[in-house]
């Protein structure tokens, strides 16, 4: 496999530096994902821009994490499931929700389970979901806007999932306590 470097402020293309500086201010660190993505400043900017946009979508912060973890688990991205499990803990997503997403069980909250099931269908079918699946989501109180915002979350997370698969991103130390292994 081609070796993609973990860029630092000294080695990263200058277009990536504002994102590195923002990450340090926000998180106190530059995540390994960003260090790998910096090889393509356009990818890094696209990912972080979509992340900002998704955080302001019609989905609640808990629903956003359901979409992001469900997408990552379906795509078998160990890095992203781990990182978003920590984020879910930080925003007080109930432990049973995060555990269900990580372990592949139904979420006890039927509304969130409908969102998870729809998200997984979008990923598995590459967007070619049956109208009945859209209707099933909407029967749980979701709107057409929510449906399309799921697409936004899946698209954003797919960028990082595929990057991590290709460049073999190592999990950062702050996320080790929530490390996830597919099939474990």
C-alpha atoms as a PDB file:
ATOM      1  CA  UNK A   1       0.000   0.000   0.000  1.00  0.00           C
ATOM      2  CA  UNK A   2       1.206   3.489  -0.808  1.00  0.00           C
ATOM      3  CA  UNK A   3       2.421   5.323   2.291  1.00  0.00           C
ATOM      4  CA  UNK A   4       0.448   8.504   2.888  1.00  0.00           C
ATOM      5  CA  UNK A   5       2.185  10.767   5.429  1.00  0.00           C
ATOM      6  CA  UNK A   6       0.807  12.254   8.614  1.00  0.00           C
ATOM      7  CA  UNK A   7       1.375  15.906   7.810  1.00  0.00           C
ATOM      8  CA  UNK A   8       2.434  18.440  10.401  1.00  0.00           C
ATOM      9  CA  UNK A   9       2.260  22.211  10.235  1.00  0.00           C
ATOM     10  CA  UNK A  10       5.775  22.070   8.813  1.00  0.00           C
ATOM     11  CA  UNK A  11       5.035  19.537   6.048  1.00  0.00           C
ATOM     12  CA  UNK A  12       1.410  20.223   5.137  1.00  0.00           C
ATOM     13  CA  UNK A  13       0.546  22.180   2.012  1.00  0.00           C
ATOM     14  CA  UNK A  14      -0.099  25.796   2.982  1.00  0.00           C
ATOM     15  CA  UNK A  15      -3.789  25.511   2.007  1.00  0.00           C
ATOM     16  CA  UNK A  16      -4.266  22.970   4.835  1.00  0.00           C
ATOM     17  CA  UNK A  17      -2.765  25.178   7.540  1.00  0.00           C
ATOM     18  CA  UNK A  18      -5.895  27.220   8.351  1.00  0.00           C
ATOM     19  CA  UNK A  19      -7.777  23.967   8.985  1.00  0.00           C
ATOM     20  CA  UNK A  20      -4.947  22.654  11.169  1.00  0.00           C
ATOM     21  CA  UNK A  21      -5.018  25.901  13.191  1.00  0.00           C
ATOM     22  CA  UNK A  22      -8.798  25.744  13.545  1.00  0.00           C
ATOM     23  CA  UNK A  23      -8.628  22.110  14.693  1.00  0.00           C
ATOM     24  CA  UNK A  24      -6.016  22.953  17.320  1.00  0.00           C
ATOM     25  CA  UNK A  25      -8.229  25.756  18.666  1.00  0.00           C
ATOM     26  CA  UNK A  26     -11.370  23.613  18.632  1.00  0.00           C
ATOM     27  CA  UNK A  27     -10.035  20.200  19.678  1.00  0.00           C
ATOM     28  CA  UNK A  28      -6.648  21.009  21.183  1.00  0.00           C
ATOM     29  CA  UNK A  29      -5.076  18.794  18.516  1.00  0.00           C
ATOM     30  CA  UNK A  30      -5.037  18.022  14.812  1.00  0.00           C
ATOM     31  CA  UNK A  31      -6.724  14.623  14.354  1.00  0.00           C
ATOM     32  CA  UNK A  32      -4.802  12.003  12.406  1.00  0.00           C
ATOM     33  CA  UNK A  33      -7.563  12.020   9.783  1.00  0.00           C
ATOM     34  CA  UNK A  34      -6.830  15.685   9.047  1.00  0.00           C
ATOM     35  CA  UNK A  35      -3.091  14.989   8.957  1.00  0.00           C
ATOM     36  CA  UNK A  36      -3.659  12.326   6.294  1.00  0.00           C
ATOM     37  CA  UNK A  37      -6.255  14.334   4.351  1.00  0.00           C
ATOM     38  CA  UNK A  38      -3.863  17.295   4.208  1.00  0.00           C
ATOM     39  CA  UNK A  39      -2.086  15.590   1.313  1.00  0.00           C
ATOM     40  CA  UNK A  40      -5.108  16.881  -0.632  1.00  0.00           C
ATOM     41  CA  UNK A  41      -6.077  20.265   0.809  1.00  0.00           C
ATOM     42  CA  UNK A  42      -9.200  20.171  -1.383  1.00  0.00           C
ATOM     43  CA  UNK A  43     -10.338  16.918   0.280  1.00  0.00           C
ATOM     44  CA  UNK A  44      -9.594  18.295   3.746  1.00  0.00           C
ATOM     45  CA  UNK A  45     -11.475  21.517   3.041  1.00  0.00           C
ATOM     46  CA  UNK A  46     -14.374  19.643   1.441  1.00  0.00           C
ATOM     47  CA  UNK A  47     -14.671  17.293   4.398  1.00  0.00           C
ATOM     48  CA  UNK A  48     -14.460  19.983   7.074  1.00  0.00           C
ATOM     49  CA  UNK A  49     -16.822  22.275   5.158  1.00  0.00           C
ATOM     50  CA  UNK A  50     -19.411  19.500   4.793  1.00  0.00           C
ATOM     51  CA  UNK A  51     -18.979  18.669   8.473  1.00  0.00           C
ATOM     52  CA  UNK A  52     -19.756  22.285   9.414  1.00  0.00           C
ATOM     53  CA  UNK A  53     -22.757  22.328   7.093  1.00  0.00           C
ATOM     54  CA  UNK A  54     -24.066  19.000   8.426  1.00  0.00           C
ATOM     55  CA  UNK A  55     -23.765  20.231  12.016  1.00  0.00           C
ATOM     56  CA  UNK A  56     -26.315  22.921  11.085  1.00  0.00           C
ATOM     57  CA  UNK A  57     -28.696  20.560   9.282  1.00  0.00           C
ATOM     58  CA  UNK A  58     -32.292  19.794  10.213  1.00  0.00           C
ATOM     59  CA  UNK A  59     -31.176  16.775  12.247  1.00  0.00           C
ATOM     60  CA  UNK A  60     -30.537  17.145  15.983  1.00  0.00           C
ATOM     61  CA  UNK A  61     -26.993  16.560  17.300  1.00  0.00           C
ATOM     62  CA  UNK A  62     -28.040  13.092  18.522  1.00  0.00           C
ATOM     63  CA  UNK A  63     -29.597  12.255  15.140  1.00  0.00           C
ATOM     64  CA  UNK A  64     -26.448  13.502  13.404  1.00  0.00           C
ATOM     65  CA  UNK A  65     -24.321  11.086  15.424  1.00  0.00           C
ATOM     66  CA  UNK A  66     -26.725   8.241  14.602  1.00  0.00           C
ATOM     67  CA  UNK A  67     -26.261   9.005  10.885  1.00  0.00           C
ATOM     68  CA  UNK A  68     -22.479   9.343  11.184  1.00  0.00           C
ATOM     69  CA  UNK A  69     -21.934   6.205  13.280  1.00  0.00           C
ATOM     70  CA  UNK A  70     -24.409   4.155  11.225  1.00  0.00           C
ATOM     71  CA  UNK A  71     -22.663   5.214   8.010  1.00  0.00           C
ATOM     72  CA  UNK A  72     -19.230   4.449   9.444  1.00  0.00           C
ATOM     73  CA  UNK A  73     -20.270   1.073  10.869  1.00  0.00           C
ATOM     74  CA  UNK A  74     -21.905   0.093   7.577  1.00  0.00           C
ATOM     75  CA  UNK A  75     -18.727   1.143   5.750  1.00  0.00           C
ATOM     76  CA  UNK A  76     -16.645  -0.734   8.376  1.00  0.00           C
ATOM     77  CA  UNK A  77     -14.610   2.356   9.249  1.00  0.00           C
ATOM     78  CA  UNK A  78     -13.033   1.598  12.604  1.00  0.00           C
ATOM     79  CA  UNK A  79     -11.502   5.070  12.929  1.00  0.00           C
ATOM     80  CA  UNK A  80     -14.768   6.961  12.422  1.00  0.00           C
ATOM     81  CA  UNK A  81     -16.932   4.706  14.603  1.00  0.00           C
ATOM     82  CA  UNK A  82     -14.383   5.177  17.391  1.00  0.00           C
ATOM     83  CA  UNK A  83     -14.127   8.950  17.025  1.00  0.00           C
ATOM     84  CA  UNK A  84     -17.878   9.486  16.735  1.00  0.00           C
ATOM     85  CA  UNK A  85     -18.473   7.264  19.767  1.00  0.00           C
ATOM     86  CA  UNK A  86     -16.384   9.727  21.783  1.00  0.00           C
ATOM     87  CA  UNK A  87     -18.251  12.672  20.264  1.00  0.00           C
ATOM     88  CA  UNK A  88     -21.567  10.941  21.032  1.00  0.00           C
ATOM     89  CA  UNK A  89     -20.463  10.535  24.657  1.00  0.00           C
ATOM     90  CA  UNK A  90     -19.530  14.218  24.805  1.00  0.00           C
ATOM     91  CA  UNK A  91     -22.967  15.352  23.640  1.00  0.00           C
ATOM     92  CA  UNK A  92     -24.725  12.886  25.956  1.00  0.00           C
ATOM     93  CA  UNK A  93     -26.106  10.444  23.389  1.00  0.00           C
ATOM     94  CA  UNK A  94     -27.592   7.681  25.560  1.00  0.00           C
ATOM     95  CA  UNK A  95     -25.129   4.806  26.002  1.00  0.00           C
ATOM     96  CA  UNK A  96     -27.703   2.267  24.787  1.00  0.00           C
ATOM     97  CA  UNK A  97     -27.962   4.146  21.483  1.00  0.00           C
ATOM     98  CA  UNK A  98     -24.215   4.234  20.894  1.00  0.00           C
ATOM     99  CA  UNK A  99     -23.827   0.612  22.020  1.00  0.00           C
ATOM    100  CA  UNK A 100     -26.554  -0.532  19.622  1.00  0.00           C
ATOM    101  CA  UNK A 101     -24.891   1.298  16.733  1.00  0.00           C
ATOM    102  CA  UNK A 102     -21.482  -0.165  17.576  1.00  0.00           C
ATOM    103  CA  UNK A 103     -22.749  -3.705  18.199  1.00  0.00           C
ATOM    104  CA  UNK A 104     -25.224  -3.902  15.328  1.00  0.00           C
ATOM    105  CA  UNK A 105     -28.316  -4.207  17.523  1.00  0.00           C
ATOM    106  CA  UNK A 106     -31.603  -2.333  17.229  1.00  0.00           C
ATOM    107  CA  UNK A 107     -31.693   1.016  18.996  1.00  0.00           C
ATOM    108  CA  UNK A 108     -34.349   0.920  21.751  1.00  0.00           C
ATOM    109  CA  UNK A 109     -35.700   4.318  20.622  1.00  0.00           C
ATOM    110  CA  UNK A 110     -37.845   3.415  17.584  1.00  0.00           C
ATOM    111  CA  UNK A 111     -37.479   6.856  16.000  1.00  0.00           C
ATOM    112  CA  UNK A 112     -33.675   6.687  16.123  1.00  0.00           C
ATOM    113  CA  UNK A 113     -33.797   3.061  14.959  1.00  0.00           C
ATOM    114  CA  UNK A 114     -35.805   4.162  11.900  1.00  0.00           C
ATOM    115  CA  UNK A 115     -33.119   6.778  11.185  1.00  0.00           C
ATOM    116  CA  UNK A 116     -30.354   4.217  11.592  1.00  0.00           C
ATOM    117  CA  UNK A 117     -32.111   1.702   9.347  1.00  0.00           C
ATOM    118  CA  UNK A 118     -32.709   4.323   6.648  1.00  0.00           C
ATOM    119  CA  UNK A 119     -29.082   5.500   6.826  1.00  0.00           C
ATOM    120  CA  UNK A 120     -27.802   1.946   6.461  1.00  0.00           C
ATOM    121  CA  UNK A 121     -30.124   1.425   3.491  1.00  0.00           C
ATOM    122  CA  UNK A 122     -28.818   4.576   1.814  1.00  0.00           C
ATOM    123  CA  UNK A 123     -25.226   3.362   2.250  1.00  0.00           C
ATOM    124  CA  UNK A 124     -25.906  -0.244   1.241  1.00  0.00           C
ATOM    125  CA  UNK A 125     -28.034   0.710  -1.786  1.00  0.00           C
ATOM    126  CA  UNK A 126     -25.781   3.628  -2.739  1.00  0.00           C
ATOM    127  CA  UNK A 127     -28.793   5.908  -2.615  1.00  0.00           C
ATOM    128  CA  UNK A 128     -31.151   3.638  -4.562  1.00  0.00           C
ATOM    129  CA  UNK A 129     -33.513   3.146  -1.615  1.00  0.00           C
ATOM    130  CA  UNK A 130     -37.059   2.029  -2.215  1.00  0.00           C
ATOM    131  CA  UNK A 131     -39.844   4.557  -1.693  1.00  0.00           C
ATOM    132  CA  UNK A 132     -41.188   2.330   1.097  1.00  0.00           C
ATOM    133  CA  UNK A 133     -37.975   2.969   3.054  1.00  0.00           C
ATOM    134  CA  UNK A 134     -38.396   6.737   2.721  1.00  0.00           C
ATOM    135  CA  UNK A 135     -42.015   6.371   3.823  1.00  0.00           C
ATOM    136  CA  UNK A 136     -40.984   4.224   6.798  1.00  0.00           C
ATOM    137  CA  UNK A 137     -38.628   6.974   7.957  1.00  0.00           C
ATOM    138  CA  UNK A 138     -41.261   9.664   7.492  1.00  0.00           C
ATOM    139  CA  UNK A 139     -43.803   7.590   9.452  1.00  0.00           C
ATOM    140  CA  UNK A 140     -41.509   8.164  12.443  1.00  0.00           C
ATOM    141  CA  UNK A 141     -41.896  11.939  12.175  1.00  0.00           C
ATOM    142  CA  UNK A 142     -39.014  12.734   9.847  1.00  0.00           C
ATOM    143  CA  UNK A 143     -39.464  15.173   6.962  1.00  0.00           C
ATOM    144  CA  UNK A 144     -38.325  15.334   3.351  1.00  0.00           C
ATOM    145  CA  UNK A 145     -35.648  17.788   4.504  1.00  0.00           C
ATOM    146  CA  UNK A 146     -34.439  15.246   7.064  1.00  0.00           C
ATOM    147  CA  UNK A 147     -34.271  12.590   4.324  1.00  0.00           C
ATOM    148  CA  UNK A 148     -32.008  14.798   2.231  1.00  0.00           C
ATOM    149  CA  UNK A 149     -29.926  15.805   5.267  1.00  0.00           C
ATOM    150  CA  UNK A 150     -29.224  12.098   5.830  1.00  0.00           C
ATOM    151  CA  UNK A 151     -27.748  12.097   2.317  1.00  0.00           C
ATOM    152  CA  UNK A 152     -25.538  15.032   3.337  1.00  0.00           C
ATOM    153  CA  UNK A 153     -24.299  13.148   6.408  1.00  0.00           C
ATOM    154  CA  UNK A 154     -23.689   9.952   4.451  1.00  0.00           C
ATOM    155  CA  UNK A 155     -21.763  11.886   1.801  1.00  0.00           C
ATOM    156  CA  UNK A 156     -19.628  13.713   4.351  1.00  0.00           C
ATOM    157  CA  UNK A 157     -18.861  10.542   6.299  1.00  0.00           C
ATOM    158  CA  UNK A 158     -18.132   8.556   3.155  1.00  0.00           C
ATOM    159  CA  UNK A 159     -15.276  10.976   2.410  1.00  0.00           C
ATOM    160  CA  UNK A 160     -13.608  10.153   5.712  1.00  0.00           C
ATOM    161  CA  UNK A 161     -14.501   6.436   5.696  1.00  0.00           C
ATOM    162  CA  UNK A 162     -12.976   5.899   2.274  1.00  0.00           C
ATOM    163  CA  UNK A 163      -9.946   8.026   3.119  1.00  0.00           C
ATOM    164  CA  UNK A 164      -9.292   6.005   6.275  1.00  0.00           C
ATOM    165  CA  UNK A 165      -9.604   2.738   4.370  1.00  0.00           C
ATOM    166  CA  UNK A 166      -7.164   3.864   1.705  1.00  0.00           C
ATOM    167  CA  UNK A 167      -4.553   5.608   3.866  1.00  0.00           C
ATOM    168  CA  UNK A 168      -4.859   3.388   6.964  1.00  0.00           C
ATOM    169  CA  UNK A 169      -5.309   6.172   9.508  1.00  0.00           C
ATOM    170  CA  UNK A 170      -4.263   5.215  13.036  1.00  0.00           C
ATOM    171  CA  UNK A 171      -6.652   6.064  15.845  1.00  0.00           C
ATOM    172  CA  UNK A 172      -5.550   9.088  17.871  1.00  0.00           C
ATOM    173  CA  UNK A 173      -4.749   8.572  21.545  1.00  0.00           C
ATOM    174  CA  UNK A 174      -7.758  10.590  22.843  1.00  0.00           C
ATOM    175  CA  UNK A 175     -10.123   8.154  21.093  1.00  0.00           C
ATOM    176  CA  UNK A 176      -8.433   4.890  22.146  1.00  0.00           C
ATOM    177  CA  UNK A 177     -10.882   4.362  25.022  1.00  0.00           C
ATOM    178  CA  UNK A 178     -13.720   3.949  22.489  1.00  0.00           C
ATOM    179  CA  UNK A 179     -11.779   1.973  19.866  1.00  0.00           C
ATOM    180  CA  UNK A 180     -14.084  -0.148  17.706  1.00  0.00           C
ATOM    181  CA  UNK A 181     -13.208  -3.167  15.634  1.00  0.00           C
ATOM    182  CA  UNK A 182     -15.560  -4.342  12.918  1.00  0.00           C
ATOM    183  CA  UNK A 183     -16.941  -7.759  13.722  1.00  0.00           C
ATOM    184  CA  UNK A 184     -15.564  -7.745  17.278  1.00  0.00           C
END
